[in-house]
Every structure is written in C-alpha cells, then in structure tokens.
Amino acid sequence: CLGQLGRTFGTAGTAAVLRRLTAVWISHAHADHHLGLPTLLAAVERARTPPALPLGARHATPPLLVIGPHAIGRWLERYQALLPPARRLRFAFAHNEAVNNPRCTERHWLLRQSGLGLASLRSVRVLHCPDAWGIVLDGKAGWRLVYSGDTRPCSALAAAGAGATLLIHEATFSAEQSAMALRKRHSSTSEALGVAAAMGAYRTVLTHLSARYESEASAAWASSSSIVAYDGLTLNLADLPRCTAAAPPIERFFKAVAAGEAAAAAAESARLAARSVSIETSLEVQRWLEEVVVTVVRTAAGGPG
C-alpha cells in the first residue's frame, strides 16, 4: 500500500494523502487484504505529527477509523499489546455490520463530521469466507460507489448497489476458469460483469486479478463499460464517461512492456550463453596449454642430459 502510494504521489504527496486519510475499510480477514495495516497506521501518525511538534500534539486529531471484521479488531489489539507505549497505534475500530446501525457513533461521524461528503453507507455480507463484506457508498453529490471485496457473484450486493455509478468488483479468474472461481469462492471476469449488468452499474473496474494472468492478457478483458485495474491506477469519478476509451491504449502499453521484457530476457539469455561459451573456450585453451607444458616438460626430461 505505502509502496504504491509512494510510486504514485512521491514522498511529499504520500504524506499529504496520509494526513487526509479518514478511515480504512477492510472487507475480510485474509492476509492479502490487511497485513500492511499496522504499517499504514504508523505512517498516518507520522504524517500527522511533524517532528517539530511535541508528542502530545498528535492527539489533537482523531484516531484513524478502521472498519472491518471482528478478527481484524482482535488482531490489531494483540499487535498493539506487543508494542512499547511510545509506539502504540492510534485507531478506533468498528465492525462492518455495526456501521449499518443508525445509532452507531462511527457511522454518525462518517456521515456528518468526516468531510467525505457521504449521504449513506451500507456494509453488505458477501459470499467468500465467514465475516466477509462488500460496501455501498452514496455521495451527497449523487454518485454511488460499490466495492465487492472478495466474493462469489452476490445477489444481495447487486440489489444493494443498484444503479451504481462505479462498481469495483473482484475478478480473480478468467471466464474460462469459472469452475476454479467456484471452488475458491471468487468470481471470474464474466461473473463480475454479470453482477455489473444485474446492478445496472454505469462503469465497472475489474480488480484482484490472479498473478497467473499477464497484464497484457488481462487488459483485454475490458468492455464498453468496464476497465481492468492495474498497479498505480488513479480514477476520478469525473473521468468515468471516457475511462473505457483508455482500455485499448492500456492494452497496447502492457503488450509493449511485455515485448520489451521478453526482448530483455532474450538478450540476457544470449549474453549468459555467450559468456558460458567464452568460459568454456578459455577452459579448453587452458587445458590445451597445460597439455603442451606437460609434453614439453616430458620431452625435456627425456632428452640429452
């Protein structure tokens, strides 16, 4: 997370992003979705507290709100207990389902005081592992953003997110691997696009792609209303009308990158092969010289004294 922020925004830009960060929402307790959380919490605290300020000044800002499954809250508390007092993380925790309650303090803060411009939010239980969630966010400006988390195609999410401005949906497997997606409780690309159609989503971003698929191949999964996520993607809601037009050049870019990487790998293989031949030739020459020296020595030893 921090590495990608740094590559995208630079050091100063990342610090500014971290200072503005209001909340972190975790969909489920699998490691690839939360292991960087303590590091992120510590980085937010550093960004919010310039070195010139006294330590107590950091408490002038509210702790970062973390919304997630019960296992995440327990994990953070146990991690916290291992830290010395001066390095304790500052955060407030709320369970995904708790923020659906109109009386929830954290929900009230998010909708009324956070400055995020939210009109409503709703966590939706999805079909992956126990305590797994998607989320529907409605903005006061009229937009609706839906994030699926990891899940099988989920009718409850499709209903809750109906008319989404933007759906961010996992597409771990290709359309040809739907059986694998079923076994692993993930979605294929075609299933994710099916959820988008059922939801009536205006635009869809396919994400959480398996590493088994090369970027230039997965980029081709885009459609007239969807794009495929990649590292460093930054998308503004104002860009949605024209974002799908970027899919063909993105695909060409990844193909060019792949071709360049293949050419570089071939060149490196050729260099190593040439080096191996050179070493073998040197060894052959060395062995020949050694044989010549031995022959000369033997000849000299058998000659006239």
Protein backbone atom coordinates (compact mmCIF):
# COMPACT_ATOMS: atom_id res chain seq x y z
CA CYS A 1 0.00 0.00 0.00
CA LEU A 2 2.62 2.56 1.07
CA GLY A 3 4.95 1.49 -1.73
CA GLN A 4 2.29 2.11 -4.37
CA LEU A 5 1.34 5.44 -2.80
CA GLY A 6 4.99 6.49 -2.89
CA ARG A 7 5.41 5.49 -6.53
CA THR A 8 2.22 7.33 -7.48
CA PHE A 9 2.41 10.52 -5.41
CA GLY A 10 6.04 10.81 -4.30
CA THR A 11 7.19 11.34 -0.71
CA ALA A 12 5.51 14.70 -0.08
CA GLY A 13 2.34 13.72 -1.94
CA THR A 14 2.05 10.48 0.04
CA ALA A 15 2.37 12.37 3.32
CA ALA A 16 -0.44 14.70 2.19
CA VAL A 17 -2.65 11.73 1.28
CA LEU A 18 -1.99 10.09 4.65
CA ARG A 19 -2.85 13.30 6.52
CA ARG A 20 -6.21 13.43 4.72
CA LEU A 21 -6.97 9.74 5.28
CA THR A 22 -10.17 9.44 7.29
CA ALA A 23 -10.96 5.74 7.52
CA VAL A 24 -9.82 2.30 6.38
CA TRP A 25 -12.43 -0.30 5.44
CA ILE A 26 -11.35 -3.97 5.43
CA SER A 27 -13.58 -6.47 3.62
CA HIS A 28 -12.41 -9.71 5.25
CA ALA A 29 -9.63 -11.20 7.33
CA HIS A 30 -7.45 -12.85 4.67
CA ALA A 31 -3.84 -11.72 4.92
CA ASP A 32 -3.54 -10.15 1.45
CA HIS A 33 -6.20 -7.62 2.49
CA HIS A 34 -4.85 -6.42 5.81
CA LEU A 35 -1.21 -7.32 6.59
CA GLY A 36 0.01 -3.80 5.80
CA LEU A 37 -2.49 -2.17 8.16
CA PRO A 38 -0.17 -1.63 11.19
CA THR A 39 2.45 -0.06 8.94
CA LEU A 40 -0.20 2.19 7.42
CA LEU A 41 -1.48 3.26 10.84
CA ALA A 42 2.05 4.14 11.95
CA ALA A 43 2.69 6.07 8.72
CA VAL A 44 -0.52 8.07 9.18
CA GLU A 45 0.56 9.00 12.70
CA ARG A 46 3.98 10.14 11.46
CA ALA A 47 2.41 12.19 8.65
CA ARG A 48 0.00 13.84 11.06
CA THR A 49 2.73 14.73 13.58
CA PRO A 50 5.55 16.90 12.20
CA PRO A 51 8.80 16.30 14.12
CA ALA A 52 8.82 19.88 15.45
CA LEU A 53 5.58 19.35 17.38
CA PRO A 54 5.57 17.92 20.89
CA LEU A 55 4.39 14.33 21.25
CA GLY A 56 1.10 15.36 22.87
CA ALA A 57 0.14 17.42 19.81
CA ARG A 58 -0.64 14.29 17.85
CA HIS A 59 -3.76 13.76 19.95
CA ALA A 60 -5.30 16.94 18.52
CA THR A 61 -6.51 14.86 15.56
CA PRO A 62 -8.97 11.97 15.92
CA PRO A 63 -7.56 8.45 15.62
CA LEU A 64 -7.91 6.78 12.24
CA LEU A 65 -11.13 4.81 11.99
CA VAL A 66 -10.71 1.16 10.99
CA ILE A 67 -13.84 -0.70 9.88
CA GLY A 68 -13.50 -4.43 9.44
CA PRO A 69 -14.39 -7.97 10.56
CA HIS A 70 -14.14 -8.97 14.23
CA ALA A 71 -10.89 -10.87 13.54
CA ILE A 72 -9.22 -7.64 12.40
CA GLY A 73 -10.14 -5.84 15.60
CA ARG A 74 -8.77 -8.70 17.72
CA TRP A 75 -5.60 -8.88 15.60
CA LEU A 76 -4.92 -5.14 15.96
CA GLU A 77 -5.41 -5.28 19.72
CA ARG A 78 -2.99 -8.20 20.04
CA TYR A 79 -0.45 -6.46 17.81
CA GLN A 80 -0.86 -3.30 19.88
CA ALA A 81 -0.09 -5.18 23.07
CA LEU A 82 3.34 -6.16 21.72
CA LEU A 83 4.40 -2.54 21.16
CA PRO A 84 6.07 -0.27 23.72
CA PRO A 85 3.79 2.59 24.89
CA ALA A 86 5.58 5.21 22.78
CA ARG A 87 4.88 3.24 19.60
CA ARG A 88 1.27 2.29 20.25
CA LEU A 89 -1.01 2.73 17.26
CA ARG A 90 -3.88 5.20 17.42
CA PHE A 91 -7.07 3.91 15.87
CA ALA A 92 -10.75 3.42 16.55
CA PHE A 93 -12.37 0.18 15.45
CA ALA A 94 -15.89 -0.65 14.32
CA HIS A 95 -17.26 -3.86 12.84
CA ASN A 96 -18.56 -3.74 9.24
CA GLU A 97 -22.12 -4.53 10.26
CA ALA A 98 -22.09 -2.11 13.19
CA VAL A 99 -21.80 0.92 10.91
CA ASN A 100 -25.14 -0.02 9.33
CA ASN A 101 -26.86 0.89 12.60
CA PRO A 102 -28.22 4.48 12.50
CA ARG A 103 -27.24 4.83 16.16
CA CYS A 104 -23.60 3.87 15.53
CA THR A 105 -21.26 6.65 16.67
CA GLU A 106 -18.73 5.89 13.92
CA ARG A 107 -21.46 5.96 11.27
CA HIS A 108 -22.69 9.33 12.52
CA TRP A 109 -19.14 10.71 12.41
CA LEU A 110 -18.54 9.41 8.87
CA LEU A 111 -21.78 10.90 7.54
CA ARG A 112 -21.83 14.16 9.48
CA GLN A 113 -18.31 15.14 10.53
CA SER A 114 -15.70 13.38 8.41
CA GLY A 115 -15.88 15.75 5.46
CA LEU A 116 -16.17 12.85 2.99
CA GLY A 117 -19.42 14.12 1.52
CA LEU A 118 -21.26 10.87 2.22
CA ALA A 119 -25.03 10.64 2.31
CA SER A 120 -25.11 6.99 3.38
CA LEU A 121 -23.04 3.83 3.63
CA ARG A 122 -24.00 0.20 3.94
CA SER A 123 -21.93 -2.92 4.50
CA VAL A 124 -23.31 -5.97 2.70
CA ARG A 125 -22.47 -9.54 3.67
CA VAL A 126 -20.93 -11.35 0.67
CA LEU A 127 -20.07 -14.92 -0.31
CA HIS A 128 -16.42 -15.65 0.40
CA CYS A 129 -15.29 -16.58 3.91
CA PRO A 130 -17.04 -16.04 7.26
CA ASP A 131 -17.45 -12.36 8.13
CA ALA A 132 -16.76 -11.12 4.57
CA TRP A 133 -18.31 -7.87 3.36
CA GLY A 134 -18.85 -5.56 0.43
CA ILE A 135 -19.77 -1.89 0.79
CA VAL A 136 -22.11 0.61 -0.86
CA LEU A 137 -21.28 4.32 -0.51
CA ASP A 138 -23.67 7.08 -1.59
CA GLY A 139 -22.34 10.60 -2.03
CA LYS A 140 -24.29 13.77 -1.39
CA ALA A 141 -23.39 14.77 -4.95
CA GLY A 142 -25.47 11.86 -6.25
CA TRP A 143 -22.87 9.20 -7.02
CA ARG A 144 -22.91 5.61 -5.77
CA LEU A 145 -19.72 3.59 -5.35
CA VAL A 146 -19.78 -0.17 -4.69
CA TYR A 147 -16.84 -2.36 -3.69
CA SER A 148 -17.36 -6.12 -3.69
CA GLY A 149 -14.44 -7.29 -1.57
CA ASP A 150 -13.66 -10.94 -2.35
CA THR A 151 -16.84 -12.81 -3.23
CA ARG A 152 -18.81 -15.10 -5.44
CA PRO A 153 -21.46 -13.30 -7.51
CA CYS A 154 -23.74 -11.93 -4.78
CA SER A 155 -27.37 -11.03 -5.42
CA ALA A 156 -27.57 -9.10 -2.13
CA LEU A 157 -24.73 -6.84 -3.26
CA ALA A 158 -26.28 -6.41 -6.72
CA ALA A 159 -29.55 -5.33 -5.11
CA ALA A 160 -27.96 -3.00 -2.56
CA GLY A 161 -25.77 -1.37 -5.21
CA ALA A 162 -28.47 -0.98 -7.87
CA GLY A 163 -27.71 1.90 -10.20
CA ALA A 164 -24.08 2.19 -9.09
CA THR A 165 -22.03 4.94 -10.66
CA LEU A 166 -18.92 2.81 -10.20
CA LEU A 167 -18.63 -0.86 -9.25
CA ILE A 168 -15.21 -2.16 -8.17
CA HIS A 169 -15.55 -5.92 -8.38
CA GLU A 170 -13.07 -8.72 -7.91
CA ALA A 171 -12.32 -10.85 -10.99
CA THR A 172 -9.73 -13.29 -9.71
CA PHE A 173 -10.13 -15.78 -12.56
CA SER A 174 -10.66 -15.60 -16.31
CA ALA A 175 -14.02 -16.52 -17.82
CA GLU A 176 -12.59 -19.92 -18.80
CA GLN A 177 -11.83 -20.70 -15.15
CA SER A 178 -15.31 -20.29 -13.67
CA ALA A 179 -15.12 -23.75 -12.07
CA MET A 180 -11.93 -22.73 -10.26
CA ALA A 181 -13.61 -19.50 -9.18
CA LEU A 182 -16.47 -21.52 -7.70
CA ARG A 183 -14.10 -23.80 -5.77
CA LYS A 184 -12.10 -20.87 -4.42
CA ARG A 185 -15.19 -18.73 -3.68
CA HIS A 186 -14.07 -15.96 -6.00
CA SER A 187 -15.54 -14.52 -9.20
CA SER A 188 -14.48 -14.89 -12.81
CA THR A 189 -14.40 -11.92 -15.17
CA SER A 190 -17.66 -12.93 -16.82
CA GLU A 191 -19.33 -13.39 -13.42
CA ALA A 192 -18.16 -9.97 -12.25
CA LEU A 193 -19.51 -8.36 -15.42
CA GLY A 194 -22.75 -10.28 -14.84
CA VAL A 195 -23.06 -8.67 -11.40
CA ALA A 196 -22.39 -5.28 -13.01
CA ALA A 197 -25.20 -5.90 -15.50
CA ALA A 198 -27.61 -7.03 -12.79
CA MET A 199 -26.71 -3.98 -10.74
CA GLY A 200 -27.04 -1.63 -13.69
CA ALA A 201 -23.61 -0.20 -12.94
CA TYR A 202 -22.53 2.68 -15.15
CA ARG A 203 -18.85 1.74 -15.03
CA THR A 204 -17.01 -1.25 -13.58
CA VAL A 205 -13.39 -1.76 -12.56
CA LEU A 206 -12.26 -5.40 -12.50
CA THR A 207 -9.67 -5.96 -9.80
CA HIS A 208 -7.98 -8.62 -7.59
CA LEU A 209 -6.67 -10.39 -10.69
CA SER A 210 -4.74 -13.60 -10.17
CA ALA A 211 -0.99 -13.31 -10.72
CA ARG A 212 -1.28 -16.24 -13.16
CA TYR A 213 -2.54 -13.77 -15.78
CA GLU A 214 -0.10 -11.48 -17.55
CA SER A 215 -1.02 -7.78 -17.60
CA GLU A 216 -1.25 -7.64 -21.39
CA ALA A 217 -3.72 -10.54 -21.37
CA SER A 218 -5.94 -9.27 -18.54
CA ALA A 219 -6.05 -5.78 -20.05
CA ALA A 220 -8.00 -7.30 -22.93
CA TRP A 221 -10.85 -8.21 -20.56
CA ALA A 222 -12.13 -4.63 -20.62
CA SER A 223 -15.52 -3.98 -22.21
CA SER A 224 -17.54 -0.99 -23.36
CA SER A 225 -18.46 -0.22 -19.73
CA SER A 226 -15.53 -1.70 -17.79
CA ILE A 227 -11.78 -1.38 -17.37
CA VAL A 228 -9.20 -3.62 -15.75
CA ALA A 229 -7.29 -2.35 -12.71
CA TYR A 230 -3.51 -2.21 -12.65
CA ASP A 231 -0.91 -1.03 -10.15
CA GLY A 232 -0.97 2.74 -9.81
CA LEU A 233 -4.42 3.24 -11.36
CA THR A 234 -5.92 6.54 -10.22
CA LEU A 235 -9.51 7.13 -11.27
CA ASN A 236 -11.63 10.21 -10.67
CA LEU A 237 -15.41 9.92 -10.91
CA ALA A 238 -15.29 12.79 -13.40
CA ASP A 239 -13.23 10.53 -15.71
CA LEU A 240 -15.82 7.75 -15.86
CA PRO A 241 -17.54 8.80 -19.12
CA ARG A 242 -14.29 8.46 -21.07
CA CYS A 243 -12.30 5.96 -19.00
CA THR A 244 -13.23 2.93 -21.13
CA ALA A 245 -11.72 4.66 -24.17
CA ALA A 246 -8.36 4.22 -22.46
CA ALA A 247 -8.64 0.42 -22.45
CA PRO A 248 -7.15 -0.20 -25.96
CA PRO A 249 -4.07 2.02 -25.40
CA ILE A 250 -3.60 0.45 -21.94
CA GLU A 251 -3.68 -2.99 -23.55
CA ARG A 252 -1.14 -1.85 -26.18
CA PHE A 253 1.04 -0.40 -23.44
CA PHE A 254 1.13 -3.66 -21.48
CA LYS A 255 1.82 -5.61 -24.67
CA ALA A 256 4.72 -3.27 -25.43
CA VAL A 257 6.02 -3.66 -21.87
CA ALA A 258 5.73 -7.46 -22.16
CA ALA A 259 7.52 -7.41 -25.52
CA GLY A 260 10.27 -5.26 -24.04
CA GLU A 261 10.63 -7.56 -21.05
CA ALA A 262 10.76 -10.59 -23.36
CA ALA A 263 13.41 -8.93 -25.53
CA ALA A 264 15.44 -8.00 -22.45
CA ALA A 265 15.16 -11.56 -21.14
CA ALA A 266 16.24 -12.96 -24.51
CA ALA A 267 19.20 -10.56 -24.64
CA GLU A 268 20.23 -11.58 -21.12
CA SER A 269 19.96 -15.26 -22.05
CA ALA A 270 22.11 -14.64 -25.13
CA ARG A 271 24.66 -12.76 -23.02
CA LEU A 272 24.83 -15.58 -20.48
CA ALA A 273 25.12 -18.17 -23.27
CA ALA A 274 27.95 -16.21 -24.89
CA ARG A 275 29.66 -15.87 -21.52
CA SER A 276 29.32 -19.62 -20.99
CA VAL A 277 30.85 -20.30 -24.42
CA SER A 278 33.66 -17.86 -23.63
CA ILE A 279 34.35 -19.56 -20.32
CA GLU A 280 34.30 -22.99 -21.94
CA THR A 281 36.67 -21.75 -24.67
CA SER A 282 39.01 -20.32 -22.04
CA LEU A 283 38.96 -23.60 -20.17
CA GLU A 284 39.69 -25.51 -23.38
CA VAL A 285 42.64 -23.20 -24.12
CA GLN A 286 43.84 -23.58 -20.55
CA ARG A 287 43.65 -27.37 -20.77
CA TRP A 288 45.49 -27.30 -24.15
CA LEU A 289 48.26 -25.10 -22.70
CA GLU A 290 48.57 -27.39 -19.71
CA GLU A 291 48.91 -30.37 -22.05
CA VAL A 292 51.54 -28.51 -24.09
CA VAL A 293 53.50 -27.67 -20.95
CA VAL A 294 53.35 -31.28 -19.77
CA THR A 295 54.54 -32.50 -23.21
CA VAL A 296 57.41 -30.02 -23.23
CA VAL A 297 58.46 -30.97 -19.72
CA ARG A 298 58.38 -34.66 -20.57
CA THR A 299 60.36 -34.07 -23.76
CA ALA A 300 62.92 -32.04 -21.87
CA ALA A 301 63.22 -34.71 -19.20
CA GLY A 302 63.82 -37.49 -21.78
CA GLY A 303 66.36 -35.55 -23.83
CA PRO A 304 70.13 -35.49 -23.60
CA GLY A 305 71.44 -34.57 -20.15
